[in-house]
PDB file of N, CA and C in Angstrom:
ATOM      1  N   MET A   1      97.626 156.968  97.769  1.00  0.00           N
ATOM      2  CA  MET A   1      96.522 157.798  98.154  1.00  0.00           C
ATOM      3  C   MET A   1      95.904 157.243  99.436  1.00  0.00           C
ATOM      4  N   THR A   2      95.774 158.067 100.423  1.00  0.00           N
ATOM      5  CA  THR A   2      95.212 157.610 101.688  1.00  0.00           C
ATOM      6  C   THR A   2      93.701 157.690 101.663  1.00  0.00           C
ATOM      7  N   ALA A   3      93.074 157.027 102.622  1.00  0.00           N
ATOM      8  CA  ALA A   3      91.611 156.967 102.678  1.00  0.00           C
ATOM      9  C   ALA A   3      91.000 158.360 102.857  1.00  0.00           C
ATOM     10  N   GLU A   4      91.734 159.306 103.516  1.00  0.00           N
ATOM     11  CA  GLU A   4      91.207 160.651 103.735  1.00  0.00           C
ATOM     12  C   GLU A   4      91.089 161.420 102.432  1.00  0.00           C
ATOM     13  N   LYS A   5      91.965 161.168 101.488  1.00  0.00           N
ATOM     14  CA  LYS A   5      91.982 161.923 100.245  1.00  0.00           C
ATOM     15  C   LYS A   5      91.062 161.337  99.181  1.00  0.00           C
ATOM     16  N   VAL A   6      90.505 160.144  99.418  1.00  0.00           N
ATOM     17  CA  VAL A   6      89.628 159.505  98.454  1.00  0.00           C
ATOM     18  C   VAL A   6      88.258 160.186  98.526  1.00  0.00           C
ATOM     19  N   PRO A   7      87.685 160.547  97.378  1.00  0.00           N
ATOM     20  CA  PRO A   7      86.366 161.195  97.388  1.00  0.00           C
ATOM     21  C   PRO A   7      85.325 160.274  98.016  1.00  0.00           C
ATOM     22  N   GLY A   8      84.299 160.830  98.592  1.00  0.00           N
ATOM     23  CA  GLY A   8      83.281 160.088  99.324  1.00  0.00           C
ATOM     24  C   GLY A   8      82.533 159.081  98.477  1.00  0.00           C
ATOM     25  N   TRP A   9      82.205 159.390  97.273  1.00  0.00           N
ATOM     26  CA  TRP A   9      81.437 158.453  96.441  1.00  0.00           C
ATOM     27  C   TRP A   9      82.263 157.225  96.105  1.00  0.00           C
ATOM     28  N   ILE A  10      83.611 157.401  95.936  1.00  0.00           N
ATOM     29  CA  ILE A  10      84.476 156.253  95.649  1.00  0.00           C
ATOM     30  C   ILE A  10      84.568 155.377  96.897  1.00  0.00           C
ATOM     31  N   LYS A  11      84.652 156.061  98.064  1.00  0.00           N
ATOM     32  CA  LYS A  11      84.701 155.315  99.326  1.00  0.00           C
ATOM     33  C   LYS A  11      83.474 154.427  99.463  1.00  0.00           C
ATOM     34  N   GLN A  12      82.326 154.979  99.165  1.00  0.00           N
ATOM     35  CA  GLN A  12      81.094 154.241  99.324  1.00  0.00           C
ATOM     36  C   GLN A  12      81.014 153.054  98.353  1.00  0.00           C
ATOM     37  N   VAL A  13      81.603 153.199  97.176  1.00  0.00           N
ATOM     38  CA  VAL A  13      81.534 152.131  96.180  1.00  0.00           C
ATOM     39  C   VAL A  13      82.651 151.108  96.382  1.00  0.00           C
ATOM     40  N   LEU A  14      83.850 151.614  96.563  1.00  0.00           N
ATOM     41  CA  LEU A  14      85.006 150.716  96.594  1.00  0.00           C
ATOM     42  C   LEU A  14      85.283 150.093  97.960  1.00  0.00           C
ATOM     43  N   MET A  15      85.046 150.811  99.041  1.00  0.00           N
ATOM     44  CA  MET A  15      85.408 150.302 100.355  1.00  0.00           C
ATOM     45  C   MET A  15      84.672 148.996 100.697  1.00  0.00           C
ATOM     46  N   PRO A  16      83.381 148.879 100.443  1.00  0.00           N
ATOM     47  CA  PRO A  16      82.733 147.597 100.716  1.00  0.00           C
ATOM     48  C   PRO A  16      83.327 146.478  99.864  1.00  0.00           C
ATOM     49  N   GLU A  17      83.626 146.805  98.618  1.00  0.00           N
ATOM     50  CA  GLU A  17      84.232 145.801  97.732  1.00  0.00           C
ATOM     51  C   GLU A  17      85.610 145.381  98.252  1.00  0.00           C
ATOM     52  N   LEU A  18      86.411 146.387  98.646  1.00  0.00           N
ATOM     53  CA  LEU A  18      87.751 146.091  99.163  1.00  0.00           C
ATOM     54  C   LEU A  18      87.667 145.282 100.460  1.00  0.00           C
ATOM     55  N   SER A  19      86.701 145.612 101.313  1.00  0.00           N
ATOM     56  CA  SER A  19      86.527 144.851 102.556  1.00  0.00           C
ATOM     57  C   SER A  19      86.127 143.416 102.242  1.00  0.00           C
ATOM     58  N   GLU A  20      85.254 143.245 101.262  1.00  0.00           N
ATOM     59  CA  GLU A  20      84.827 141.904 100.859  1.00  0.00           C
ATOM     60  C   GLU A  20      86.002 141.119 100.286  1.00  0.00           C
ATOM     61  N   ILE A  21      86.796 141.782  99.439  1.00  0.00           N
ATOM     62  CA  ILE A  21      87.988 141.129  98.857  1.00  0.00           C
ATOM     63  C   ILE A  21      88.966 140.758  99.967  1.00  0.00           C
ATOM     64  N   LYS A  22      89.145 141.660 100.938  1.00  0.00           N
ATOM     65  CA  LYS A  22      90.041 141.400 102.064  1.00  0.00           C
ATOM     66  C   LYS A  22      89.577 140.178 102.842  1.00  0.00           C
ATOM     67  N   GLY A  23      88.272 140.049 103.071  1.00  0.00           N
ATOM     68  CA  GLY A  23      87.714 138.896 103.778  1.00  0.00           C
ATOM     69  C   GLY A  23      87.920 137.614 102.986  1.00  0.00           C
ATOM     70  N   GLU A  24      87.705 137.705 101.669  1.00  0.00           N
ATOM     71  CA  GLU A  24      87.912 136.530 100.825  1.00  0.00           C
ATOM     72  C   GLU A  24      89.369 136.098 100.831  1.00  0.00           C
ATOM     73  N   LEU A  25      90.276 137.086 100.797  1.00  0.00           N
ATOM     74  CA  LEU A  25      91.709 136.750 100.840  1.00  0.00           C
ATOM     75  C   LEU A  25      92.076 136.075 102.163  1.00  0.00           C
ATOM     76  N   LYS A  26      91.496 136.543 103.258  1.00  0.00           N
ATOM     77  CA  LYS A  26      91.761 135.906 104.550  1.00  0.00           C
ATOM     78  C   LYS A  26      91.234 134.468 104.537  1.00  0.00           C
ATOM     79  N   ALA A  27      90.048 134.282 103.958  1.00  0.00           N
ATOM     80  CA  ALA A  27      89.472 132.932 103.879  1.00  0.00           C
ATOM     81  C   ALA A  27      90.345 132.028 103.016  1.00  0.00           C
ATOM     82  N   ILE A  28      90.831 132.588 101.905  1.00  0.00           N
ATOM     83  CA  ILE A  28      91.716 131.811 101.017  1.00  0.00           C
ATOM     84  C   ILE A  28      92.997 131.456 101.747  1.00  0.00           C
ATOM     85  N   ASN A  29      93.564 132.391 102.473  1.00  0.00           N
ATOM     86  CA  ASN A  29      94.795 132.115 103.244  1.00  0.00           C
ATOM     87  C   ASN A  29      94.543 131.047 104.296  1.00  0.00           C
ATOM     88  N   THR A  30      93.382 131.093 104.930  1.00  0.00           N
ATOM     89  CA  THR A  30      93.039 130.084 105.923  1.00  0.00           C
ATOM     90  C   THR A  30      92.940 128.712 105.266  1.00  0.00           C
ATOM     91  N   ARG A  31      92.299 128.669 104.093  1.00  0.00           N
ATOM     92  CA  ARG A  31      92.182 127.399 103.372  1.00  0.00           C
ATOM     93  C   ARG A  31      93.560 126.902 102.921  1.00  0.00           C
ATOM     94  N   ILE A  32      94.398 127.816 102.482  1.00  0.00           N
ATOM     95  CA  ILE A  32      95.767 127.428 102.073  1.00  0.00           C
ATOM     96  C   ILE A  32      96.521 126.862 103.268  1.00  0.00           C
ATOM     97  N   ASP A  33      96.415 127.553 104.419  1.00  0.00           N
ATOM     98  CA  ASP A  33      97.085 127.055 105.625  1.00  0.00           C
ATOM     99  C   ASP A  33      96.564 125.672 106.010  1.00  0.00           C
ATOM    100  N   SER A  34      95.251 125.491 105.927  1.00  0.00           N
ATOM    101  CA  SER A  34      94.652 124.195 106.249  1.00  0.00           C
ATOM    102  C   SER A  34      95.144 123.126 105.276  1.00  0.00           C
ATOM    103  N   THR A  35      95.188 123.493 103.989  1.00  0.00           N
ATOM    104  CA  THR A  35      95.677 122.549 102.971  1.00  0.00           C
ATOM    105  C   THR A  35      97.138 122.209 103.228  1.00  0.00           C
ATOM    106  N   ASN A  36      97.953 123.191 103.582  1.00  0.00           N
ATOM    107  CA  ASN A  36      99.362 122.932 103.881  1.00  0.00           C
ATOM    108  C   ASN A  36      99.503 121.993 105.078  1.00  0.00           C
ATOM    109  N   GLU A  37      98.648 122.176 106.079  1.00  0.00           N
ATOM    110  CA  GLU A  37      98.687 121.282 107.246  1.00  0.00           C
ATOM    111  C   GLU A  37      98.319 119.857 106.847  1.00  0.00           C
ATOM    112  N   LYS A  38      97.299 119.732 105.988  1.00  0.00           N
ATOM    113  CA  LYS A  38      96.901 118.405 105.512  1.00  0.00           C
ATOM    114  C   LYS A  38      98.031 117.770 104.714  1.00  0.00           C
ATOM    115  N   ILE A  39      98.665 118.573 103.858  1.00  0.00           N
ATOM    116  CA  ILE A  39      99.785 118.053 103.054  1.00  0.00           C
ATOM    117  C   ILE A  39     100.914 117.589 103.974  1.00  0.00           C
ATOM    118  N   ASP A  40     101.229 118.395 104.987  1.00  0.00           N
ATOM    119  CA  ASP A  40     102.281 118.014 105.937  1.00  0.00           C
ATOM    120  C   ASP A  40     101.906 116.725 106.664  1.00  0.00           C
ATOM    121  N   SER A  41     100.645 116.622 107.056  1.00  0.00           N
ATOM    122  CA  SER A  41     100.176 115.416 107.744  1.00  0.00           C
ATOM    123  C   SER A  41     100.289 114.198 106.826  1.00  0.00           C
ATOM    124  N   LEU A  42      99.845 114.350 105.582  1.00  0.00           N
ATOM    125  CA  LEU A  42      99.950 113.246 104.624  1.00  0.00           C
ATOM    126  C   LEU A  42     101.404 112.888 104.344  1.00  0.00           C
ATOM    127  N   ARG A  43     102.260 113.892 104.269  1.00  0.00           N
ATOM    128  CA  ARG A  43     103.687 113.644 104.043  1.00  0.00           C
ATOM    129  C   ARG A  43     104.256 112.827 105.199  1.00  0.00           C
ATOM    130  N   ASN A  44     103.887 113.200 106.420  1.00  0.00           N
ATOM    131  CA  ASN A  44     104.384 112.472 107.594  1.00  0.00           C
ATOM    132  C   ASN A  44     103.842 111.040 107.624  1.00  0.00           C
ATOM    133  N   GLU A  45     102.549 110.884 107.283  1.00  0.00           N
ATOM    134  CA  GLU A  45     101.973 109.534 107.220  1.00  0.00           C
ATOM    135  C   GLU A  45     102.696 108.696 106.175  1.00  0.00           C
ATOM    136  N   THR A  46     102.939 109.312 105.007  1.00  0.00           N
ATOM    137  CA  THR A  46     103.612 108.600 103.920  1.00  0.00           C
ATOM    138  C   THR A  46     105.024 108.198 104.331  1.00  0.00           C
ATOM    139  N   LYS A  47     105.733 109.114 104.978  1.00  0.00           N
ATOM    140  CA  LYS A  47     107.081 108.788 105.452  1.00  0.00           C
ATOM    141  C   LYS A  47     107.039 107.632 106.449  1.00  0.00           C
ATOM    142  N   SER A  48     106.072 107.702 107.365  1.00  0.00           N
ATOM    143  CA  SER A  48     105.946 106.656 108.379  1.00  0.00           C
ATOM    144  C   SER A  48     105.617 105.312 107.732  1.00  0.00           C
ATOM    145  N   GLU A  49     104.661 105.316 106.808  1.00  0.00           N
ATOM    146  CA  GLU A  49     104.295 104.071 106.130  1.00  0.00           C
ATOM    147  C   GLU A  49     105.446 103.549 105.279  1.00  0.00           C
ATOM    148  N   THR A  50     106.147 104.455 104.617  1.00  0.00           N
ATOM    149  CA  THR A  50     107.292 104.051 103.798  1.00  0.00           C
ATOM    150  C   THR A  50     108.366 103.422 104.676  1.00  0.00           C
ATOM    151  N   GLU A  51     108.622 104.016 105.811  1.00  0.00           N
ATOM    152  CA  GLU A  51     109.626 103.463 106.730  1.00  0.00           C
ATOM    153  C   GLU A  51     109.179 102.101 107.245  1.00  0.00           C
ATOM    154  N   GLY A  52     107.875 101.983 107.538  1.00  0.00           N
ATOM    155  CA  GLY A  52     107.348 100.687 107.979  1.00  0.00           C
ATOM    156  C   GLY A  52     107.517  99.629 106.907  1.00  0.00           C
ATOM    157  N   LEU A  53     107.194  99.985 105.670  1.00  0.00           N
ATOM    158  CA  LEU A  53     107.372  99.041 104.562  1.00  0.00           C
ATOM    159  C   LEU A  53     108.840  98.693 104.375  1.00  0.00           C
ATOM    160  N   ARG A  54     109.685  99.687 104.501  1.00  0.00           N
ATOM    161  CA  ARG A  54     111.123  99.460 104.368  1.00  0.00           C
ATOM    162  C   ARG A  54     111.591  98.450 105.415  1.00  0.00           C
ATOM    163  N   ASN A  55     111.105  98.613 106.642  1.00  0.00           N
ATOM    164  CA  ASN A  55     111.477  97.682 107.722  1.00  0.00           C
ATOM    165  C   ASN A  55     110.932  96.282 107.462  1.00  0.00           C
ATOM    166  N   GLU A  56     109.690  96.213 106.964  1.00  0.00           N
ATOM    167  CA  GLU A  56     109.119  94.908 106.642  1.00  0.00           C
ATOM    168  C   GLU A  56     109.923  94.222 105.543  1.00  0.00           C
ATOM    169  N   ILE A  57     110.312  94.987 104.530  1.00  0.00           N
ATOM    170  CA  ILE A  57     111.100  94.420 103.426  1.00  0.00           C
ATOM    171  C   ILE A  57     112.448  93.937 103.938  1.00  0.00           C
ATOM    172  N   ARG A  58     113.079  94.742 104.775  1.00  0.00           N
ATOM    173  CA  ARG A  58     114.370  94.325 105.348  1.00  0.00           C
ATOM    174  C   ARG A  58     114.221  93.039 106.153  1.00  0.00           C
ATOM    175  N   SER A  59     113.157  92.981 106.941  1.00  0.00           N
ATOM    176  CA  SER A  59     112.905  91.789 107.753  1.00  0.00           C
ATOM    177  C   SER A  59     112.666  90.574 106.858  1.00  0.00           C
ATOM    178  N   GLU A  60     111.885  90.757 105.804  1.00  0.00           N
ATOM    179  CA  GLU A  60     111.593  89.648 104.888  1.00  0.00           C
ATOM    180  C   GLU A  60     112.864  89.206 104.164  1.00  0.00           C
ATOM    181  N   ILE A  61     113.689  90.160 103.761  1.00  0.00           N
ATOM    182  CA  ILE A  61     114.956  89.819 103.100  1.00  0.00           C
ATOM    183  C   ILE A  61     115.837  89.019 104.054  1.00  0.00           C
ATOM    184  N   ALA A  62     115.910  89.459 105.301  1.00  0.00           N
ATOM    185  CA  ALA A  62     116.721  88.733 106.293  1.00  0.00           C
ATOM    186  C   ALA A  62     116.190  87.319 106.492  1.00  0.00           C
ATOM    187  N   ARG A  63     114.846  87.184 106.558  1.00  0.00           N
ATOM    188  CA  ARG A  63     114.237  85.864 106.724  1.00  0.00           C
ATOM    189  C   ARG A  63     114.551  84.977 105.526  1.00  0.00           C
ATOM    190  N   LEU A  64     114.456  85.545 104.326  1.00  0.00           N
ATOM    191  CA  LEU A  64     114.749  84.773 103.119  1.00  0.00           C
ATOM    192  C   LEU A  64     116.226  84.392 103.046  1.00  0.00           C
ATOM    193  N   GLU A  65     117.105  85.313 103.454  1.00  0.00           N
ATOM    194  CA  GLU A  65     118.534  84.991 103.473  1.00  0.00           C
ATOM    195  C   GLU A  65     118.809  83.838 104.429  1.00  0.00           C
ATOM    196  N   ASP A  66     118.159  83.868 105.590  1.00  0.00           N
ATOM    197  CA  ASP A  66     118.322  82.768 106.550  1.00  0.00           C
ATOM    198  C   ASP A  66     117.832  81.455 105.952  1.00  0.00           C
ATOM    199  N   LYS A  67     116.699  81.518 105.286  1.00  0.00           N
ATOM    200  CA  LYS A  67     116.144  80.304 104.676  1.00  0.00           C
ATOM    201  C   LYS A  67     117.064  79.790 103.570  1.00  0.00           C
ATOM    202  N   ILE A  68     117.586  80.703 102.765  1.00  0.00           N
ATOM    203  CA  ILE A  68     118.515  80.304 101.700  1.00  0.00           C
ATOM    204  C   ILE A  68     119.755  79.653 102.299  1.00  0.00           C
ATOM    205  N   ASN A  69     120.288  80.263 103.354  1.00  0.00           N
ATOM    206  CA  ASN A  69     121.469  79.681 104.010  1.00  0.00           C
ATOM    207  C   ASN A  69     121.161  78.308 104.588  1.00  0.00           C
ATOM    208  N   SER A  70     119.992  78.176 105.173  1.00  0.00           N
ATOM    209  CA  SER A  70     119.595  76.882 105.714  1.00  0.00           C
ATOM    210  C   SER A  70     119.498  75.839 104.602  1.00  0.00           C
ATOM    211  N   LEU A  71     118.850  76.207 103.509  1.00  0.00           N
ATOM    212  CA  LEU A  71     118.730  75.278 102.375  1.00  0.00           C
ATOM    213  C   LEU A  71     120.101  74.946 101.786  1.00  0.00           C
ATOM    214  N   ARG A  72     120.981  75.951 101.734  1.00  0.00           N
ATOM    215  CA  ARG A  72     122.335  75.721 101.232  1.00  0.00           C
ATOM    216  C   ARG A  72     123.058  74.704 102.109  1.00  0.00           C
ATOM    217  N   ASN A  73     122.908  74.866 103.429  1.00  0.00           N
ATOM    218  CA  ASN A  73     123.554  73.928 104.351  1.00  0.00           C
ATOM    219  C   ASN A  73     122.965  72.524 104.230  1.00  0.00           C
ATOM    220  N   GLU A  74     121.632  72.449 104.085  1.00  0.00           N
ATOM    221  CA  GLU A  74     120.994  71.146 103.894  1.00  0.00           C
ATOM    222  C   GLU A  74     121.501  70.489 102.614  1.00  0.00           C
ATOM    223  N   THR A  75     121.604  71.286 101.554  1.00  0.00           N
ATOM    224  CA  THR A  75     122.071  70.760 100.273  1.00  0.00           C
ATOM    225  C   THR A  75     123.505  70.265 100.385  1.00  0.00           C
ATOM    226  N   LYS A  76     124.348  71.042 101.059  1.00  0.00           N
ATOM    227  CA  LYS A  76     125.728  70.610 101.261  1.00  0.00           C
ATOM    228  C   LYS A  76     125.770  69.291 102.022  1.00  0.00           C
ATOM    229  N   SER A  77     124.949  69.195 103.043  1.00  0.00           N
ATOM    230  CA  SER A  77     124.898  67.975 103.841  1.00  0.00           C
ATOM    231  C   SER A  77     124.451  66.789 102.989  1.00  0.00           C
ATOM    232  N   GLU A  78     123.412  67.004 102.171  1.00  0.00           N
ATOM    233  CA  GLU A  78     122.925  65.934 101.294  1.00  0.00           C
ATOM    234  C   GLU A  78     124.012  65.515 100.305  1.00  0.00           C
ATOM    235  N   PHE A  79     124.715  66.484  99.725  1.00  0.00           N
ATOM    236  CA  PHE A  79     125.774  66.153  98.777  1.00  0.00           C
ATOM    237  C   PHE A  79     126.916  65.400  99.455  1.00  0.00           C
ATOM    238  N   THR A  80     127.210  65.783 100.689  1.00  0.00           N
ATOM    239  CA  THR A  80     128.246  65.074 101.429  1.00  0.00           C
ATOM    240  C   THR A  80     127.826  63.619 101.638  1.00  0.00           C
ATOM    241  N   GLY A  81     126.560  63.421 102.023  1.00  0.00           N
ATOM    242  CA  GLY A  81     126.053  62.058 102.199  1.00  0.00           C
ATOM    243  C   GLY A  81     126.096  61.274 100.901  1.00  0.00           C
ATOM    244  N   LEU A  82     125.705  61.910  99.803  1.00  0.00           N
ATOM    245  CA  LEU A  82     125.767  61.239  98.496  1.00  0.00           C
ATOM    246  C   LEU A  82     127.207  60.906  98.117  1.00  0.00           C
ATOM    247  N   HIS A  83     128.112  61.811  98.431  1.00  0.00           N
ATOM    248  CA  HIS A  83     129.528  61.586  98.126  1.00  0.00           C
ATOM    249  C   HIS A  83     130.031  60.328  98.857  1.00  0.00           C
ATOM    250  N   TYR A  84     129.669  60.211 100.149  1.00  0.00           N
ATOM    251  CA  TYR A  84     130.088  59.028 100.907  1.00  0.00           C
ATOM    252  C   TYR A  84     129.477  57.758 100.338  1.00  0.00           C
ATOM    253  N   ARG A  85     128.212  57.838  99.930  1.00  0.00           N
ATOM    254  CA  ARG A  85     127.560  56.660  99.343  1.00  0.00           C
ATOM    255  C   ARG A  85     128.232  56.269  98.025  1.00  0.00           C
ATOM    256  N   LEU A  86     128.533  57.267  97.204  1.00  0.00           N
ATOM    257  CA  LEU A  86     129.201  56.971  95.933  1.00  0.00           C
ATOM    258  C   LEU A  86     130.581  56.362  96.173  1.00  0.00           C
ATOM    259  N   ASP A  87     131.303  56.902  97.141  1.00  0.00           N
ATOM    260  CA  ASP A  87     132.615  56.334  97.476  1.00  0.00           C
ATOM    261  C   ASP A  87     132.469  54.876  97.897  1.00  0.00           C
ATOM    262  N   SER A  88     131.460  54.602  98.702  1.00  0.00           N
ATOM    263  CA  SER A  88     131.226  53.236  99.159  1.00  0.00           C
ATOM    264  C   SER A  88     130.925  52.322  97.975  1.00  0.00           C
ATOM    265  N   LEU A  89     130.074  52.814  97.060  1.00  0.00           N
ATOM    266  CA  LEU A  89     129.753  52.010  95.868  1.00  0.00           C
ATOM    267  C   LEU A  89     130.991  51.798  94.992  1.00  0.00           C
ATOM    268  N   GLU A  90     131.772  52.844  94.841  1.00  0.00           N
ATOM    269  CA  GLU A  90     132.988  52.721  94.025  1.00  0.00           C
ATOM    270  C   GLU A  90     133.947  51.694  94.614  1.00  0.00           C
ATOM    271  N   LYS A  91     133.983  51.608  95.940  1.00  0.00           N
ATOM    272  CA  LYS A  91     134.849  50.623  96.574  1.00  0.00           C
ATOM    273  C   LYS A  91     134.307  49.205  96.372  1.00  0.00           C
ATOM    274  N   ARG A  92     133.000  49.070  96.255  1.00  0.00           N
ATOM    275  CA  ARG A  92     132.387  47.750  96.085  1.00  0.00           C
ATOM    276  C   ARG A  92     132.494  47.243  94.645  1.00  0.00           C
ATOM    277  N   ILE A  93     132.581  48.122  93.699  1.00  0.00           N
ATOM    278  CA  ILE A  93     132.598  47.701  92.287  1.00  0.00           C
ATOM    279  C   ILE A  93     133.743  46.738  91.991  1.00  0.00           C
ATOM    280  N   PRO A  94     134.975  47.031  92.389  1.00  0.00           N
ATOM    281  CA  PRO A  94     136.043  46.067  92.101  1.00  0.00           C
ATOM    282  C   PRO A  94     135.794  44.709  92.760  1.00  0.00           C
ATOM    283  N   VAL A  95     135.231  44.736  93.979  1.00  0.00           N
ATOM    284  CA  VAL A  95     134.938  43.475  94.665  1.00  0.00           C
ATOM    285  C   VAL A  95     133.892  42.698  93.870  1.00  0.00           C
ATOM    286  N   LEU A  96     132.849  43.397  93.414  1.00  0.00           N
ATOM    287  CA  LEU A  96     131.808  42.740  92.621  1.00  0.00           C
ATOM    288  C   LEU A  96     132.382  42.198  91.310  1.00  0.00           C
ATOM    289  N   GLU A  97     133.281  42.958  90.703  1.00  0.00           N
ATOM    290  CA  GLU A  97     133.906  42.491  89.463  1.00  0.00           C
ATOM    291  C   GLU A  97     134.721  41.220  89.714  1.00  0.00           C
ATOM    292  N   LYS A  98     135.448  41.205  90.844  1.00  0.00           N
ATOM    293  CA  LYS A  98     136.241  40.022  91.182  1.00  0.00           C
ATOM    294  C   LYS A  98     135.330  38.827  91.460  1.00  0.00           C
ATOM    295  N   ILE A  99     134.222  39.055  92.189  1.00  0.00           N
ATOM    296  CA  ILE A  99     133.283  37.964  92.480  1.00  0.00           C
ATOM    297  C   ILE A  99     132.704  37.423  91.177  1.00  0.00           C
ATOM    298  N   THR A 100     132.338  38.311  90.272  1.00  0.00           N
ATOM    299  CA  THR A 100     131.780  37.875  88.979  1.00  0.00           C
ATOM    300  C   THR A 100     132.808  37.064  88.210  1.00  0.00           C
ATOM    301  N   ALA A 101     134.065  37.530  88.205  1.00  0.00           N
ATOM    302  CA  ALA A 101     135.122  36.789  87.510  1.00  0.00           C
ATOM    303  C   ALA A 101     135.311  35.415  88.142  1.00  0.00           C
ATOM    304  N   LEU A 102     135.290  35.355  89.480  1.00  0.00           N
ATOM    305  CA  LEU A 102     135.423  34.075  90.164  1.00  0.00           C
ATOM    306  C   LEU A 102     134.249  33.153  89.855  1.00  0.00           C
ATOM    307  N   GLU A 103     133.027  33.732  89.792  1.00  0.00           N
ATOM    308  CA  GLU A 103     131.864  32.909  89.456  1.00  0.00           C
ATOM    309  C   GLU A 103     132.007  32.321  88.054  1.00  0.00           C
ATOM    310  N   HIS A 104     132.533  33.094  87.117  1.00  0.00           N
ATOM    311  CA  HIS A 104     132.750  32.583  85.756  1.00  0.00           C
ATOM    312  C   HIS A 104     133.815  31.464  85.757  1.00  0.00           C
ATOM    313  N   LYS A 105     134.864  31.692  86.538  1.00  0.00           N
ATOM    314  CA  LYS A 105     135.907  30.667  86.611  1.00  0.00           C
ATOM    315  C   LYS A 105     135.356  29.378  87.236  1.00  0.00           C
ATOM    316  N   ILE A 106     134.554  29.520  88.316  1.00  0.00           N
ATOM    317  CA  ILE A 106     133.956  28.347  88.963  1.00  0.00           C
ATOM    318  C   ILE A 106     133.039  27.621  87.978  1.00  0.00           C
ATOM    319  N   ALA A 107     132.227  28.404  87.255  1.00  0.00           N
ATOM    320  CA  ALA A 107     131.322  27.785  86.275  1.00  0.00           C
ATOM    321  C   ALA A 107     132.131  27.065  85.205  1.00  0.00           C
ATOM    322  N   ASP A 108     133.218  27.668  84.769  1.00  0.00           N
ATOM    323  CA  ASP A 108     134.073  27.042  83.759  1.00  0.00           C
ATOM    324  C   ASP A 108     134.714  25.766  84.315  1.00  0.00           C
ATOM    325  N   LEU A 109     135.177  25.845  85.572  1.00  0.00           N
ATOM    326  CA  LEU A 109     135.774  24.666  86.203  1.00  0.00           C
ATOM    327  C   LEU A 109     134.736  23.555  86.386  1.00  0.00           C
ATOM    328  N   GLU A 110     133.508  23.936  86.756  1.00  0.00           N
ATOM    329  CA  GLU A 110     132.456  22.936  86.913  1.00  0.00           C
ATOM    330  C   GLU A 110     132.166  22.262  85.573  1.00  0.00           C
ATOM    331  N   LYS A 111     132.163  23.026  84.497  1.00  0.00           N
ATOM    332  CA  LYS A 111     131.952  22.441  83.171  1.00  0.00           C
ATOM    333  C   LYS A 111     133.085  21.471  82.826  1.00  0.00           C
ATOM    334  N   ARG A 112     134.293  21.882  83.119  1.00  0.00           N
ATOM    335  CA  ARG A 112     135.445  21.005  82.811  1.00  0.00           C
ATOM    336  C   ARG A 112     135.371  19.704  83.643  1.00  0.00           C
ATOM    337  N   LEU A 113     135.009  19.881  84.927  1.00  0.00           N
ATOM    338  CA  LEU A 113     134.894  18.698  85.790  1.00  0.00           C
ATOM    339  C   LEU A 113     133.786  17.769  85.282  1.00  0.00           C
ATOM    340  N   ALA A 114     132.681  18.375  84.911  1.00  0.00           N
ATOM    341  CA  ALA A 114     131.555  17.557  84.414  1.00  0.00           C
ATOM    342  C   ALA A 114     131.968  16.858  83.130  1.00  0.00           C
ATOM    343  N   ALA A 115     132.739  17.524  82.283  1.00  0.00           N
ATOM    344  CA  ALA A 115     133.169  16.915  81.020  1.00  0.00           C
ATOM    345  C   ALA A 115     134.211  15.840  81.303  1.00  0.00           C
ATOM    346  N   ALA A 116     135.067  16.028  82.298  1.00  0.00           N
ATOM    347  CA  ALA A 116     136.098  15.053  82.615  1.00  0.00           C
ATOM    348  C   ALA A 116     135.495  13.807  83.250  1.00  0.00           C
ATOM    349  N   GLU A 117     134.411  13.974  83.984  1.00  0.00           N
ATOM    350  CA  GLU A 117     133.771  12.827  84.637  1.00  0.00           C
ATOM    351  C   GLU A 117     133.003  11.995  83.639  1.00  0.00           C
ATOM    352  N   THR A 118     132.639  12.515  82.567  1.00  0.00           N
ATOM    353  CA  THR A 118     131.880  11.717  81.601  1.00  0.00           C
ATOM    354  C   THR A 118     132.734  11.068  80.595  1.00  0.00           C
TER     355      THR A 118
END
């Protein structure tokens, strides 16, 4: 039904209401558009912050990996040094055992000599 065919009393009652509803719908659409823009802005901020955090985490992981590798190398170096020290001690043990055996033999010989002299 077109506006020309609508009776005058209905026009007077409904047209202001329809115009008011039309204005409210435009206002609602404007608010929706504004809200969508805010959502898009927040989405972009969130993406940017997420990417920044992702980069920070990657950087921290790389730093920690470097530190772990450094500590691993230090530990290997320390173990190598300990290995050489242990080898050195192991080589000295037989010598110390021989010296101890010789000291016992000397002490035994000294006792025999002391007993023979008396």
